[in-house]
């Protein structure tokens, strides 16, 4: 990969980390608040079902995780497995697409 591509990945990694930090905080605070309020999982799902706001929030959460994790996986594969080259890039891309696909399926299941 060239310098420009590596720089873009570095920026995407940091930007997605910032989004994830906010999303994880909102998610955990919401869960703690709901559980302390005595809500069950079924009641929480009933409240989130059909909510466009929660759909948007969790879609952003999934997209950020799907960008962040594969970029972070690249150096792990290089350092631990000595895996470099185009096959590694294809693998991490497929990993990110699979994460996005499964995550969005979960989000849409909760929404509908």
Protein backbone atom coordinates (compact mmCIF):
# COMPACT_ATOMS: atom_id res chain seq x y z
CA UNK A 1 0.00 0.00 0.00
CA UNK A 2 1.22 3.48 -0.77
CA UNK A 3 1.72 6.30 1.70
CA UNK A 4 -1.51 8.05 0.73
CA UNK A 5 -3.61 4.91 1.31
CA UNK A 6 -1.93 4.24 4.66
CA UNK A 7 -2.63 7.83 5.72
CA UNK A 8 -6.29 7.50 4.74
CA UNK A 9 -6.56 4.28 6.76
CA UNK A 10 -4.89 5.96 9.74
CA UNK A 11 -7.42 8.81 9.61
CA UNK A 12 -10.35 6.41 9.18
CA UNK A 13 -9.13 4.39 12.18
CA UNK A 14 -8.96 7.47 14.41
CA UNK A 15 -12.27 8.91 13.19
CA UNK A 16 -14.09 5.60 13.66
CA UNK A 17 -12.56 5.31 17.14
CA UNK A 18 -14.00 8.69 18.08
CA UNK A 19 -17.45 7.68 16.81
CA UNK A 20 -17.21 4.33 18.60
CA UNK A 21 -16.24 5.99 21.88
CA UNK A 22 -19.37 8.11 21.75
CA UNK A 23 -21.59 5.21 20.63
CA UNK A 24 -20.32 2.84 23.33
CA UNK A 25 -20.85 5.51 25.98
CA UNK A 26 -24.42 6.24 24.85
CA UNK A 27 -25.17 2.51 24.56
CA UNK A 28 -23.87 1.67 28.05
CA UNK A 29 -25.51 4.66 29.73
CA UNK A 30 -28.82 3.80 28.06
CA UNK A 31 -28.63 0.14 29.10
CA UNK A 32 -27.72 0.99 32.71
CA UNK A 33 -30.50 3.59 32.88
CA UNK A 34 -33.07 1.18 31.42
CA UNK A 35 -32.10 -1.74 33.65
CA UNK A 36 -32.01 0.40 36.79
CA UNK A 37 -35.45 1.64 35.81
CA UNK A 38 -36.65 -1.94 35.97
CA UNK A 39 -37.10 -2.54 32.25
CA UNK A 40 -36.70 -6.06 30.90
CA UNK A 41 -35.07 -6.90 27.58
CA UNK A 42 -38.52 -7.42 26.06
CA UNK A 43 -39.64 -3.98 27.22
CA UNK A 44 -36.46 -2.37 25.88
CA UNK A 45 -36.97 -4.04 22.49
CA UNK A 46 -40.61 -2.93 22.47
CA UNK A 47 -39.48 0.68 22.96
CA UNK A 48 -36.77 0.58 20.31
CA UNK A 49 -38.91 -1.21 17.70
CA UNK A 50 -39.88 1.24 14.98
CA UNK A 51 -37.75 4.09 16.35
CA UNK A 52 -35.95 5.83 13.49
CA UNK A 53 -33.64 7.54 15.98
CA UNK A 54 -32.38 4.25 17.41
CA UNK A 55 -32.16 2.81 13.89
CA UNK A 56 -29.90 5.71 12.87
CA UNK A 57 -27.83 5.50 16.07
CA UNK A 58 -27.17 1.77 15.84
CA UNK A 59 -26.55 1.98 12.08
CA UNK A 60 -23.81 4.53 12.75
CA UNK A 61 -22.48 2.27 15.52
CA UNK A 62 -22.31 -0.72 13.14
CA UNK A 63 -20.69 1.28 10.34
CA UNK A 64 -18.05 2.69 12.70
CA UNK A 65 -17.23 -0.79 14.06
CA UNK A 66 -17.13 -2.20 10.52
CA UNK A 67 -14.57 0.42 9.53
CA UNK A 68 -12.53 0.34 12.74
CA UNK A 69 -12.06 -3.40 13.32
CA UNK A 70 -10.71 -4.42 9.89
CA UNK A 71 -8.20 -1.56 9.87
CA UNK A 72 -7.00 -2.64 13.30
CA UNK A 73 -6.84 -6.26 12.17
CA UNK A 74 -4.37 -5.45 9.35
CA UNK A 75 -1.29 -4.89 11.57
CA UNK A 76 -2.22 -7.84 13.79
CA UNK A 77 -2.21 -10.12 10.75
CA UNK A 78 1.09 -8.62 9.59
CA UNK A 79 2.87 -8.81 12.94
CA UNK A 80 1.55 -12.12 14.27
CA UNK A 81 1.09 -14.13 11.08
CA UNK A 82 3.51 -12.28 8.78
CA UNK A 83 0.58 -11.99 6.36
CA UNK A 84 1.11 -9.18 3.86
CA UNK A 85 0.04 -8.40 0.34
CA UNK A 86 -3.21 -8.29 -1.57
CA UNK A 87 -4.66 -11.45 -0.03
CA UNK A 88 -4.54 -9.81 3.40
CA UNK A 89 -6.24 -6.70 2.02
CA UNK A 90 -9.00 -8.79 0.43
CA UNK A 91 -9.46 -10.70 3.70
CA UNK A 92 -9.80 -7.59 5.87
CA UNK A 93 -12.15 -6.02 3.33
CA UNK A 94 -14.31 -9.17 3.37
CA UNK A 95 -14.17 -9.17 7.17
CA UNK A 96 -15.41 -5.56 7.27
CA UNK A 97 -18.20 -6.27 4.79
CA UNK A 98 -19.26 -9.34 6.80
CA UNK A 99 -19.30 -7.28 10.00
CA UNK A 100 -21.40 -4.59 8.35
CA UNK A 101 -23.80 -7.15 6.87
CA UNK A 102 -24.35 -9.02 10.15
CA UNK A 103 -24.52 -5.83 12.18
CA UNK A 104 -27.08 -4.21 9.92
CA UNK A 105 -29.16 -7.40 9.94
CA UNK A 106 -29.20 -7.21 13.75
CA UNK A 107 -30.11 -3.51 13.70
CA UNK A 108 -32.93 -4.08 11.22
CA UNK A 109 -34.20 -7.05 13.24
CA UNK A 110 -34.46 -4.87 16.34
CA UNK A 111 -36.08 -2.05 14.33
CA UNK A 112 -38.78 -4.14 12.63
